[in-house]
Protein backbone atom coordinates (compact mmCIF):
# COMPACT_ATOMS: atom_id res chain seq x y z
CA MET A 1 21.75 -20.21 23.97
CA ASP A 2 18.14 -19.51 22.79
CA GLU A 3 17.59 -16.89 20.25
CA VAL A 4 15.67 -15.39 17.57
CA ALA A 5 16.78 -13.99 14.11
CA ILE A 6 14.73 -10.94 13.08
CA ILE A 7 15.46 -10.63 8.96
CA GLY A 8 14.62 -7.14 7.86
CA GLY A 9 14.95 -3.67 10.01
CA GLY A 10 11.75 -2.22 8.53
CA PRO A 11 8.78 -1.74 10.81
CA ALA A 12 7.72 -5.12 11.24
CA GLY A 13 10.79 -6.02 11.98
CA LEU A 14 11.31 -3.53 14.50
CA ARG A 15 8.34 -4.06 15.90
CA VAL A 16 9.05 -8.02 16.39
CA MET A 17 12.52 -7.23 17.91
CA GLN A 18 10.85 -5.14 20.39
CA ILE A 19 7.79 -7.57 22.21
CA LEU A 20 10.86 -10.07 21.93
CA GLN A 21 13.30 -7.93 24.29
CA CYS A 22 10.30 -6.73 26.44
CA ALA A 23 9.77 -10.43 27.17
CA GLY A 24 13.49 -11.20 28.18
CA ILE A 25 13.97 -13.18 24.33
CA GLN A 26 17.18 -12.55 23.20
CA GLY A 27 16.79 -10.97 19.47
CA HIS A 28 19.39 -10.28 16.80
CA LEU A 29 17.76 -8.23 13.95
CA TYR A 30 19.73 -8.70 10.48
CA GLU A 31 19.41 -5.28 8.15
CA GLN A 32 20.70 -5.93 4.18
CA LYS A 33 21.46 -2.05 4.15
CA ARG A 34 23.66 0.31 6.55
CA SER A 35 20.83 1.21 8.92
CA VAL A 36 17.21 0.12 9.78
CA GLY A 37 13.94 1.99 9.43
CA ARG A 38 14.86 3.03 5.63
CA LYS A 39 11.61 2.51 4.23
CA LEU A 40 9.88 4.08 7.44
CA LEU A 41 11.92 7.13 6.61
CA VAL A 42 10.86 7.49 2.75
CA ALA A 43 7.11 7.20 4.13
CA GLY A 44 7.62 9.98 6.51
CA LYS A 45 9.35 12.49 4.11
CA SER A 46 5.51 13.72 3.02
CA GLY A 47 4.36 13.25 7.02
CA LEU A 48 4.19 9.46 8.91
CA ASN A 49 0.68 8.37 8.27
CA LEU A 50 0.52 5.66 10.90
CA THR A 51 -2.69 4.52 10.77
CA ASN A 52 -6.60 5.58 10.45
CA ASP A 53 -9.10 6.33 12.45
CA ALA A 54 -11.89 4.86 11.02
CA GLU A 55 -14.01 2.11 13.03
CA ILE A 56 -13.27 -1.37 12.44
CA VAL A 57 -15.65 -2.64 9.58
CA GLU A 58 -14.27 0.36 7.58
CA PHE A 59 -11.02 -0.02 8.49
CA LEU A 60 -11.17 -4.09 7.92
CA SER A 61 -12.88 -2.96 4.44
CA ASN A 62 -9.33 -1.83 2.70
CA TYR A 63 -7.43 -5.36 3.37
CA LYS A 64 -7.14 -7.34 -0.24
CA GLY A 65 -5.22 -10.36 -1.44
CA LYS A 66 -5.09 -13.62 -2.59
CA GLY A 67 -7.22 -16.12 -0.51
CA LEU A 68 -6.96 -13.67 2.55
CA PRO A 69 -8.29 -14.95 5.95
CA LYS A 70 -10.59 -12.29 6.78
CA VAL A 71 -11.38 -14.08 9.98
CA LEU A 72 -7.78 -14.31 11.20
CA TRP A 73 -7.16 -11.02 9.75
CA GLU A 74 -9.73 -9.69 11.60
CA ARG A 75 -8.16 -11.08 14.93
CA ILE A 76 -4.37 -9.79 13.96
CA TYR A 77 -5.85 -6.09 13.83
CA LYS A 78 -8.18 -6.26 17.01
CA ALA A 79 -4.98 -7.74 19.15
CA PHE A 80 -2.68 -4.16 18.02
CA ASN A 81 -5.81 -1.97 16.59
CA ASN A 82 -5.72 1.80 15.73
CA THR A 83 -6.07 2.45 19.38
CA THR A 84 -3.29 0.38 20.46
CA LEU A 85 -0.96 1.73 18.15
CA ARG A 86 -1.49 4.96 18.97
CA GLU A 87 -0.94 4.01 22.68
CA TRP A 88 2.36 2.34 21.67
CA ALA A 89 3.46 5.51 19.94
CA ARG A 90 2.62 8.04 22.73
CA GLU A 91 4.68 5.36 25.23
CA LEU A 92 8.03 5.89 22.76
CA GLY A 93 6.88 9.52 23.34
CA GLN A 94 5.08 10.65 20.40
CA GLU A 95 1.89 11.89 20.03
CA THR A 96 -0.33 11.74 17.76
CA PHE A 97 -3.41 13.79 15.82
CA VAL A 98 -6.06 12.74 13.68
CA SER A 99 -6.23 14.86 10.58
CA SER A 100 -8.64 15.33 7.54
CA GLY A 101 -9.92 11.87 6.35
CA LYS A 102 -9.22 9.97 9.60
CA LYS A 103 -5.52 9.82 9.17
CA VAL A 104 -3.33 9.39 11.81
CA PHE A 105 0.08 11.33 12.05
CA PRO A 106 2.57 11.89 14.97
CA ASN A 107 2.43 15.84 16.24
CA ASP A 108 5.39 16.80 14.20
CA MET A 109 4.80 15.16 11.49
CA LYS A 110 8.03 12.84 10.81
CA ALA A 111 9.14 9.41 11.11
CA ALA A 112 13.02 10.10 12.55
CA PRO A 113 11.71 11.00 16.15
CA LEU A 114 9.89 7.43 16.41
CA LEU A 115 12.38 5.53 14.88
CA ARG A 116 14.61 6.79 17.28
CA ALA A 117 12.96 6.08 20.25
CA LEU A 118 12.22 2.80 19.03
CA VAL A 119 15.31 1.71 18.40
CA GLN A 120 16.83 3.05 21.49
CA ASP A 121 14.47 1.06 23.25
CA ILE A 122 14.87 -2.18 22.10
CA LYS A 123 18.87 -1.52 22.84
CA GLY A 124 17.78 -0.87 25.71
CA LYS A 125 16.81 -4.21 26.41
CA GLY A 126 19.70 -5.91 25.09
CA GLY A 127 18.80 -6.30 21.59
CA GLU A 128 21.49 -6.30 18.91
CA PHE A 129 21.69 -5.05 15.68
CA PHE A 130 23.49 -6.12 12.56
CA VAL A 131 23.34 -4.26 9.71
CA LYS A 132 25.01 -4.80 6.25
CA HIS A 133 23.88 -8.50 6.45
CA SER A 134 22.28 -10.04 3.50
CA LEU A 135 20.85 -13.73 4.58
CA ARG A 136 21.51 -16.31 1.86
CA ASN A 137 20.39 -19.27 3.34
CA ILE A 138 17.64 -21.02 5.71
CA GLU A 139 18.50 -24.70 6.51
CA PRO A 140 16.65 -26.56 8.97
CA SER A 141 18.92 -28.01 11.87
CA ASP A 142 18.58 -29.99 15.59
CA ASN A 143 16.48 -27.17 17.43
CA GLY A 144 16.34 -24.30 14.88
CA TYR A 145 17.79 -23.24 11.78
CA ASP A 146 21.55 -22.42 10.56
CA LEU A 147 21.47 -19.09 9.04
CA THR A 148 24.29 -17.89 6.44
CA PHE A 149 24.62 -14.06 5.83
CA SER A 150 26.48 -12.38 3.40
CA SER A 151 28.74 -9.09 5.37
CA GLU A 152 31.47 -6.88 5.19
CA GLU A 153 33.35 -9.81 7.00
CA GLY A 154 32.37 -12.50 4.62
CA GLU A 155 30.28 -15.46 5.09
CA ILE A 156 28.48 -15.52 8.30
CA ARG A 157 26.66 -18.69 9.80
CA HIS A 158 24.60 -18.46 12.86
CA HIS A 159 22.02 -21.07 14.61
CA TYR A 160 18.46 -19.50 16.14
CA SER A 161 15.78 -21.59 17.99
CA ALA A 162 13.60 -19.35 15.85
CA VAL A 163 13.77 -17.22 12.97
CA VAL A 164 11.16 -14.18 12.12
CA LEU A 165 10.87 -12.90 8.33
CA ALA A 166 10.32 -9.23 7.47
CA PHE A 167 11.83 -8.85 4.21
CA GLY A 168 9.18 -6.21 2.90
CA GLY A 169 7.39 -6.37 0.03
CA GLY A 170 8.97 -5.18 -3.85
CA SER A 171 8.64 -1.36 -3.65
CA TRP A 172 10.94 1.32 -2.95
CA SER A 173 14.11 -0.75 -3.17
CA SER A 174 16.84 1.49 -2.70
CA THR A 175 15.14 1.00 1.17
CA GLY A 176 16.02 -2.80 0.84
CA SER A 177 12.46 -3.45 0.01
CA ASP A 178 13.48 -5.43 -3.22
CA GLY A 179 11.93 -8.66 -3.19
CA GLU A 180 15.14 -10.61 -3.74
CA TRP A 181 13.75 -13.31 -0.91
CA VAL A 182 11.38 -14.72 -3.38
CA PRO A 183 13.84 -17.22 -4.93
CA LEU A 184 15.28 -18.11 -1.81
CA LEU A 185 11.57 -19.35 -0.34
CA GLU A 186 10.96 -20.23 -3.10
CA SER A 187 13.32 -22.77 -3.11
CA MET A 188 12.46 -23.98 0.18
CA ASN A 189 8.90 -24.90 -1.57
CA ILE A 190 7.14 -21.70 -0.28
CA LYS A 191 4.12 -21.15 -2.42
CA ILE A 192 4.87 -16.90 -3.65
CA SER A 193 1.96 -14.90 -5.21
CA PRO A 194 3.91 -12.95 -7.20
CA LEU A 195 4.47 -9.41 -6.36
CA GLU A 196 2.86 -6.36 -7.80
CA ALA A 197 2.77 -3.14 -7.67
CA ALA A 198 0.33 -1.23 -5.73
CA ASN A 199 -0.70 2.26 -4.73
CA CYS A 200 0.69 3.24 -7.95
CA GLY A 201 -0.29 5.06 -10.95
CA TRP A 202 -1.57 3.76 -14.32
CA GLU A 203 -0.38 4.29 -17.40
CA VAL A 204 -2.14 5.95 -20.46
CA ASN A 205 -1.89 6.30 -23.78
CA TRP A 206 -2.80 9.78 -24.25
CA ASP A 207 -2.88 11.80 -27.31
CA GLY A 208 -0.27 13.90 -28.10
CA GLU A 209 -1.88 17.35 -28.16
CA PHE A 210 -3.84 16.46 -25.11
CA LEU A 211 -0.51 16.30 -23.34
CA SER A 212 0.78 18.82 -24.75
CA LYS A 213 -1.66 20.93 -23.20
CA HIS A 214 -2.91 19.58 -20.05
CA GLU A 215 0.04 17.49 -18.43
CA GLY A 216 0.43 18.62 -14.72
CA LYS A 217 -3.30 19.40 -14.46
CA PRO A 218 -5.38 17.73 -11.98
CA LEU A 219 -9.00 16.12 -12.86
CA LYS A 220 -10.44 17.41 -9.55
CA ASN A 221 -14.13 16.38 -7.69
CA LEU A 222 -14.17 13.30 -9.71
CA LEU A 223 -16.13 10.15 -8.77
CA CYS A 224 -13.96 7.39 -9.46
CA SER A 225 -15.03 3.46 -9.91
CA ALA A 226 -13.87 0.17 -11.14
CA GLY A 227 -15.31 -2.91 -11.00
CA GLU A 228 -18.17 -2.89 -7.94
CA GLU A 229 -15.61 -0.38 -6.10
CA SER A 230 -16.23 3.94 -5.92
CA ILE A 231 -14.08 6.30 -4.60
CA GLU A 232 -14.24 10.15 -5.14
CA GLY A 233 -10.97 12.45 -5.38
CA GLU A 234 -8.55 14.04 -7.28
CA LEU A 235 -6.11 12.62 -10.35
CA VAL A 236 -3.53 14.41 -12.05
CA ILE A 237 -2.47 13.83 -15.30
CA THR A 238 1.19 12.89 -15.97
CA LYS A 239 3.08 12.25 -18.99
CA TYR A 240 2.64 8.33 -18.68
CA GLY A 241 -1.30 8.75 -17.55
CA LEU A 242 -2.47 8.97 -13.92
CA GLU A 243 -1.42 9.83 -10.57
CA GLY A 244 -3.91 10.15 -7.04
CA GLY A 245 -5.65 8.77 -4.49
CA PRO A 246 -8.63 7.19 -6.07
CA ILE A 247 -6.67 5.34 -8.39
CA TYR A 248 -4.31 4.21 -6.15
CA ARG A 249 -7.21 2.94 -4.11
CA LEU A 250 -8.75 1.10 -7.26
CA GLY A 251 -5.49 -0.72 -8.34
CA HIS A 252 -6.95 -4.43 -6.60
CA ALA A 253 -9.92 -4.25 -8.72
CA LEU A 254 -8.06 -2.72 -11.91
CA ARG A 255 -5.54 -5.16 -11.41
CA GLN A 256 -8.24 -8.00 -12.10
CA GLN A 257 -9.48 -6.73 -15.16
CA GLU A 258 -8.79 -8.24 -18.40
CA LYS A 259 -8.40 -4.64 -20.12
CA PRO A 260 -8.38 -2.48 -17.70
CA ALA A 261 -10.74 0.76 -17.78
CA LEU A 262 -11.34 3.42 -15.09
CA GLN A 263 -14.71 5.00 -14.97
CA LEU A 264 -15.33 8.62 -14.47
CA ASP A 265 -17.93 10.40 -13.55
CA PHE A 266 -17.39 14.26 -13.73
CA LYS A 267 -20.20 15.37 -12.01
CA SER A 268 -21.12 12.65 -9.51
CA MET A 269 -23.44 15.92 -7.40
CA PHE A 270 -25.68 16.43 -10.64
CA SER A 271 -28.12 13.31 -12.26
CA THR A 272 -28.37 13.46 -16.19
CA GLN A 273 -31.84 15.04 -15.82
CA GLU A 274 -30.32 17.86 -13.66
CA LEU A 275 -27.64 18.01 -16.42
CA MET A 276 -30.26 18.61 -19.47
CA LYS A 277 -31.65 21.22 -16.78
CA LYS A 278 -28.89 23.19 -17.14
CA VAL A 279 -28.75 23.38 -21.00
CA GLU A 280 -32.42 23.42 -21.96
CA SER A 281 -32.50 27.10 -22.95
CA VAL A 282 -29.45 27.24 -24.68
CA ARG A 283 -30.30 28.44 -28.24
CA LYS A 284 -26.80 29.53 -29.82
CA ASN A 285 -23.40 28.69 -29.49
CA LEU A 286 -24.40 25.30 -28.32
CA ALA A 287 -20.82 23.99 -27.45
CA LEU A 288 -19.62 27.02 -25.91
CA GLU A 289 -22.92 27.21 -23.55
CA LEU A 290 -22.93 24.06 -22.31
CA MET A 291 -19.94 23.97 -21.28
CA GLN A 292 -19.73 26.92 -19.38
CA ARG A 293 -23.02 25.71 -17.97
CA TRP A 294 -21.54 22.11 -16.88
CA ARG A 295 -18.84 24.06 -15.83
CA LEU A 296 -16.35 21.88 -17.27
CA THR A 297 -12.75 22.48 -17.19
CA ASP A 298 -10.35 22.65 -20.60
CA SER A 299 -8.93 19.53 -19.52
CA VAL A 300 -12.58 17.49 -19.06
CA VAL A 301 -13.53 18.93 -22.30
CA ASP A 302 -10.51 18.14 -23.98
CA LEU A 303 -10.75 14.46 -22.39
CA LEU A 304 -14.00 13.78 -23.73
CA LYS A 305 -13.23 15.36 -27.17
CA CYS A 306 -10.08 13.34 -27.53
CA TYR A 307 -12.63 9.84 -26.62
CA HIS A 308 -16.18 11.01 -28.47
CA SER A 309 -15.14 13.75 -31.02
CA GLU A 310 -18.21 12.66 -33.10
CA LEU A 311 -20.80 13.97 -30.43
CA PHE A 312 -18.94 17.25 -30.29
CA GLN A 313 -19.04 17.17 -34.25
CA LYS A 314 -22.79 16.96 -34.11
CA ILE A 315 -23.34 18.97 -31.45
CA LYS A 316 -21.50 21.94 -33.49
CA VAL A 317 -23.31 21.04 -36.89
CA ASN A 318 -26.80 20.59 -35.69
CA GLY A 319 -27.02 20.56 -32.07
CA GLY A 320 -26.43 16.38 -31.34
CA ASP A 321 -27.93 14.05 -29.24
CA LEU A 322 -27.02 16.61 -25.58
CA GLN A 323 -28.34 13.76 -23.51
CA LEU A 324 -25.57 11.37 -24.52
CA LEU A 325 -23.18 13.73 -23.77
CA ALA A 326 -24.46 14.58 -20.56
CA LYS A 327 -24.04 10.31 -19.65
CA LYS A 328 -20.66 10.07 -21.26
CA LEU A 329 -19.68 12.83 -18.74
CA LYS A 330 -21.47 10.82 -15.89
CA ASN A 331 -20.12 7.40 -17.24
CA PHE A 332 -16.71 8.28 -18.90
CA SER A 333 -14.61 5.12 -19.46
CA LEU A 334 -10.59 5.28 -19.55
CA PRO A 335 -9.30 2.85 -20.89
CA LEU A 336 -5.97 2.05 -18.82
CA GLU A 337 -2.64 0.18 -20.06
CA LYS A 338 -1.00 -0.76 -16.84
CA PRO A 339 0.29 -0.13 -13.97
CA ARG A 340 3.54 1.61 -13.24
CA PRO A 341 6.93 -0.05 -12.50
CA LEU A 342 6.95 -2.18 -9.31
CA ASN A 343 10.08 0.00 -8.30
CA GLU A 344 7.89 3.20 -8.35
CA ALA A 345 4.95 1.85 -6.06
CA ILE A 346 4.48 2.86 -2.97
CA SER A 347 3.73 -0.67 -1.50
CA SER A 348 3.46 -4.17 -3.31
CA ALA A 349 0.83 -6.55 -3.22
CA GLY A 350 1.39 -10.63 -3.41
CA GLY A 351 3.79 -12.12 -1.17
CA VAL A 352 3.43 -15.54 0.57
CA ALA A 353 0.52 -17.27 0.29
CA TRP A 354 -1.36 -17.57 3.23
CA ILE A 355 -1.83 -21.39 2.69
CA GLU A 356 1.64 -21.80 3.93
CA LEU A 357 0.60 -20.08 7.46
CA ASP A 358 -0.43 -21.28 10.33
CA GLU A 359 -3.13 -18.93 12.83
CA ASN A 360 0.19 -17.56 14.40
CA LEU A 361 1.75 -16.52 10.77
CA MET A 362 4.43 -19.56 11.07
CA LEU A 363 5.28 -21.54 7.98
CA LYS A 364 3.56 -24.94 8.45
CA LYS A 365 6.23 -26.69 6.79
CA TYR A 366 8.81 -25.08 9.37
CA PRO A 367 8.29 -24.94 12.92
CA ASP A 368 10.01 -21.72 14.07
CA LEU A 369 9.65 -19.98 11.53
CA TYR A 370 7.61 -16.94 10.77
CA ALA A 371 6.68 -14.44 8.44
CA CYS A 372 5.28 -10.87 9.11
CA GLY A 373 4.23 -7.27 7.73
CA GLU A 374 4.17 -6.43 3.89
CA MET A 375 6.04 -9.51 2.66
CA LEU A 376 2.82 -11.32 3.44
CA ASP A 377 0.01 -11.33 0.86
CA TRP A 378 -2.37 -8.74 1.50
CA GLU A 379 -2.37 -5.15 0.11
CA ALA A 380 -4.17 -2.12 1.34
CA PRO A 381 -4.33 1.43 0.16
CA THR A 382 -2.52 4.48 1.62
CA GLY A 383 -4.53 6.81 4.35
CA GLY A 384 -2.90 4.98 7.31
CA PHE A 385 -3.68 1.45 6.39
CA LEU A 386 -0.32 0.05 5.11
CA LEU A 387 1.57 0.47 7.99
CA GLN A 388 -1.46 -0.28 10.96
CA GLY A 389 -0.82 -4.35 8.84
CA CYS A 390 2.47 -4.47 9.13
CA PHE A 391 2.94 -3.39 12.88
CA SER A 392 -0.37 -5.67 13.67
CA SER A 393 0.80 -8.94 11.53
CA ALA A 394 4.19 -8.27 13.43
CA SER A 395 3.07 -8.02 16.91
CA TRP A 396 0.90 -11.52 16.80
CA VAL A 397 3.96 -12.62 15.38
CA GLY A 398 5.60 -11.99 18.70
CA ASN A 399 3.29 -12.29 20.72
CA ALA A 400 3.17 -15.77 19.28
CA ILE A 401 6.65 -16.11 20.11
CA LYS A 402 6.50 -14.87 23.17
CA ARG A 403 3.48 -17.58 24.43
CA LYS A 404 5.23 -20.33 23.19
CA ARG A 405 8.95 -19.65 25.43
CA SER A 406 6.57 -19.43 28.24
CA LEU A 407 5.09 -22.71 28.42
């Protein structure tokens, strides 16, 4: 029988499965955990951010990866874009809305109703699910592949005319996204870019006294930069370093630096000259007055003191160089140690190298063996771009198989 195997029950695998079942192509979906969509449910705990309402140029600028083919990725996105995804959710009974920051959520903010509707739609069209099945081997054979799985019933082998790999990346291993597929594909001579933590906090070698006073406090109204990229937002001081949207979005740029450092502008709304005007009339209690007039929090003041104590000492003694301090306030370089461990990250970078894939996301060395979702070598920030990339690439693969079967 002409059957297709989908390996992985996350958003990408489920979307491929749905397309195949709608086209009358028999699909078998295998998931190593006891249920599908576990990472989708975890992502939905704070509100399921399905996509983003940004225009196409801004939207696509958020995707990066080693050798990411921009022309192909644009085609993949256009074929199932943010508008299409919202229409798809509506067809499953889930209306969406656009919140602040152009983020798109289901009206009830939950992942479970969407997942339940998707699974019911697939099963209603004859799709079969096999949970607690872990792929152990892929062996090319006549007209397809022989797959070997381990399960509660022991080892199972099955032949398929085509196979779709949708393993996910390497973050949140408890959901099944554990990266353990890498050795298997490498043994098949498929190049894999190392999996790295993306959308994660970064470690900072904090001064002990500073940390005891400010752990858990926010650093607000920042302009954060790394390389040529800049993001406005808020960071939170943690016992190991920093967390927050800006450092997540700058993770790719930071990983490219030999000695990673985050550039912080604590007063992006003012120029250095404007800051100087605010303190030009100060004559007494200079150290106290300039902090009040610049409206700096204790966290910012102590951070400046940790890294530039000599400036504060000179100001206290003889007035020092206020302009130099103002410049540091506008361009503060905070050395970083490393990103947090991969398993703590929201997503991962790295994966199947693009040189291994053709324009249908089929592996060039293995006809009718496809890959999609987070296991490909792309990354994107939070804000709806992650799920959109998974759904778009899955839709591309599903439709490629559909077209090929119709020839």
